[in-house]
């Protein structure tokens, strides 16, 4: 008989707690909570909330490529030949940078004529991407000289 009363008590407790749990989750506040917190600008947040226009990106691309070529021609002996040689890689780097350009980076580069640290890091990545040698695969030599 002891087992029966224990089971009945357990069943009553489970049913009561289930009814309470279901009724309490149904209660909610219908009033909207008022948020008075002021949103501050976080300099480390790069959520791209300020959009860089295509015109700004295009201007950045050409200005950056021209500055890149000038930087490479500083110690050049034959500037005409070297200008033609450096134009394509510098434009590749500028195009690579343009794809992920933020408004702050564009403003600092074009208006203030400064390079941000993030732009320097992106430049190194773009230079690696654009300047790595693309070696064509060679045919296997079965007969003849190697």
Protein backbone atom coordinates (compact mmCIF):
# COMPACT_ATOMS: atom_id res chain seq x y z
CA UNK A 1 0.00 0.00 0.00
CA UNK A 2 2.89 2.32 0.57
CA UNK A 3 3.87 2.19 -3.09
CA UNK A 4 0.39 3.18 -4.21
CA UNK A 5 0.26 6.37 -2.10
CA UNK A 6 3.76 7.31 -3.16
CA UNK A 7 2.76 6.94 -6.81
CA UNK A 8 -0.44 8.93 -6.26
CA UNK A 9 1.48 11.74 -4.54
CA UNK A 10 4.08 11.75 -7.28
CA UNK A 11 1.36 11.89 -9.95
CA UNK A 12 -0.39 14.79 -8.21
CA UNK A 13 2.88 16.75 -7.91
CA UNK A 14 3.75 16.17 -11.58
CA UNK A 15 0.29 17.23 -12.81
CA UNK A 16 0.24 20.32 -10.60
CA UNK A 17 3.71 21.43 -11.71
CA UNK A 18 2.81 20.83 -15.38
CA UNK A 19 -0.33 22.97 -15.07
CA UNK A 20 1.63 25.74 -13.34
CA UNK A 21 4.42 25.63 -15.91
CA UNK A 22 2.00 25.82 -18.84
CA UNK A 23 -0.06 28.61 -17.34
CA UNK A 24 2.97 30.73 -16.39
CA UNK A 25 4.56 30.51 -19.83
CA UNK A 26 1.31 31.76 -21.35
CA UNK A 27 1.54 35.00 -19.37
CA UNK A 28 3.61 37.68 -21.01
CA UNK A 29 4.00 41.43 -21.10
CA UNK A 30 2.13 42.92 -24.02
CA UNK A 31 3.70 46.32 -23.48
CA UNK A 32 6.72 47.11 -25.61
CA UNK A 33 9.81 47.88 -23.62
CA UNK A 34 11.11 51.36 -24.26
CA UNK A 35 14.77 51.48 -25.14
CA UNK A 36 16.46 54.73 -24.26
CA UNK A 37 20.01 53.50 -24.82
CA UNK A 38 21.93 55.69 -27.23
CA UNK A 39 23.80 53.79 -29.92
CA UNK A 40 27.45 54.82 -29.93
CA UNK A 41 29.82 54.45 -32.86
CA UNK A 42 32.28 51.62 -32.33
CA UNK A 43 35.49 52.19 -34.35
CA UNK A 44 36.18 48.45 -34.38
CA UNK A 45 32.80 47.60 -35.88
CA UNK A 46 33.17 47.10 -39.63
CA UNK A 47 29.56 46.30 -40.35
CA UNK A 48 29.67 48.41 -43.53
CA UNK A 49 26.76 50.55 -42.41
CA UNK A 50 28.13 53.44 -44.48
CA UNK A 51 28.06 52.41 -48.12
CA UNK A 52 30.95 53.23 -50.44
CA UNK A 53 29.58 54.22 -53.83
CA UNK A 54 30.84 52.74 -57.08
CA UNK A 55 32.25 56.13 -58.11
CA UNK A 56 34.29 56.35 -54.90
CA UNK A 57 35.54 52.80 -55.42
CA UNK A 58 36.51 53.57 -59.00
CA UNK A 59 38.35 56.74 -57.95
CA UNK A 60 40.12 54.81 -55.18
CA UNK A 61 41.15 52.09 -57.62
CA UNK A 62 42.80 54.52 -60.05
CA UNK A 63 44.39 56.72 -57.36
CA UNK A 64 45.80 53.69 -55.55
CA UNK A 65 47.16 52.16 -58.76
CA UNK A 66 48.82 55.45 -59.75
CA UNK A 67 50.37 55.85 -56.30
CA UNK A 68 51.59 52.24 -56.44
CA UNK A 69 53.28 52.83 -59.79
CA UNK A 70 54.90 56.07 -58.52
CA UNK A 71 56.19 54.25 -55.45
CA UNK A 72 57.76 51.54 -57.61
CA UNK A 73 59.34 54.04 -60.03
CA UNK A 74 61.23 55.98 -57.36
CA UNK A 75 64.47 53.99 -57.74
CA UNK A 76 63.94 52.97 -61.36
CA UNK A 77 66.60 53.60 -63.99
CA UNK A 78 64.40 53.12 -67.07
CA UNK A 79 61.10 54.67 -66.03
CA UNK A 80 59.21 54.14 -69.33
CA UNK A 81 59.83 50.40 -69.45
CA UNK A 82 59.23 49.95 -65.73
CA UNK A 83 55.99 51.95 -65.84
CA UNK A 84 54.54 49.52 -68.38
CA UNK A 85 55.77 46.57 -66.28
CA UNK A 86 54.31 47.84 -62.97
CA UNK A 87 50.96 49.09 -64.28
CA UNK A 88 49.26 45.69 -64.51
CA UNK A 89 50.23 44.35 -61.04
CA UNK A 90 49.39 47.66 -59.37
CA UNK A 91 45.96 47.72 -61.02
CA UNK A 92 45.40 44.11 -59.91
CA UNK A 93 46.24 45.06 -56.31
CA UNK A 94 43.97 48.12 -56.46
CA UNK A 95 41.09 46.05 -57.84
CA UNK A 96 41.61 43.43 -55.14
CA UNK A 97 41.55 46.14 -52.45
CA UNK A 98 38.50 47.83 -53.96
CA UNK A 99 36.33 44.73 -53.49
CA UNK A 100 36.44 44.96 -49.67
CA UNK A 101 36.84 48.71 -49.22
CA UNK A 102 35.19 50.39 -46.24
CA UNK A 103 34.05 53.99 -46.14
CA UNK A 104 36.63 54.92 -43.48
CA UNK A 105 39.49 53.46 -45.52
CA UNK A 106 38.36 55.26 -48.67
CA UNK A 107 38.02 58.58 -46.82
CA UNK A 108 41.42 58.30 -45.12
CA UNK A 109 43.17 57.37 -48.38
CA UNK A 110 41.50 59.79 -50.80
CA UNK A 111 40.82 62.81 -48.56
CA UNK A 112 43.45 62.66 -45.82
CA UNK A 113 46.10 60.85 -47.92
CA UNK A 114 46.82 58.35 -45.15
CA UNK A 115 47.05 54.57 -45.20
CA UNK A 116 45.15 52.79 -42.43
CA UNK A 117 46.55 49.67 -40.82
CA UNK A 118 43.69 47.59 -42.21
CA UNK A 119 44.49 48.87 -45.70
CA UNK A 120 48.14 47.90 -45.24
CA UNK A 121 47.13 44.38 -44.22
CA UNK A 122 44.76 44.10 -47.17
CA UNK A 123 47.53 45.45 -49.45
CA UNK A 124 49.92 42.71 -48.35
CA UNK A 125 47.26 40.07 -48.98
CA UNK A 126 46.46 41.54 -52.41
CA UNK A 127 50.14 41.76 -53.33
CA UNK A 128 50.60 38.11 -52.45
CA UNK A 129 47.52 37.20 -54.49
CA UNK A 130 48.45 39.29 -57.55
CA UNK A 131 52.22 38.80 -57.63
CA UNK A 132 52.57 35.09 -57.04
CA UNK A 133 54.04 33.38 -60.05
CA UNK A 134 51.62 31.26 -61.97
CA UNK A 135 53.77 28.44 -63.29
CA UNK A 136 52.40 26.59 -66.27
CA UNK A 137 52.46 22.80 -65.87
CA UNK A 138 55.13 21.15 -67.99
CA UNK A 139 54.58 18.18 -70.23
CA UNK A 140 56.15 14.96 -69.08
CA UNK A 141 59.36 14.01 -70.85
CA UNK A 142 59.12 10.34 -71.80
CA UNK A 143 61.79 10.17 -74.50
CA UNK A 144 64.60 12.53 -75.30
CA UNK A 145 66.51 15.06 -73.28
CA UNK A 146 65.25 16.36 -70.04
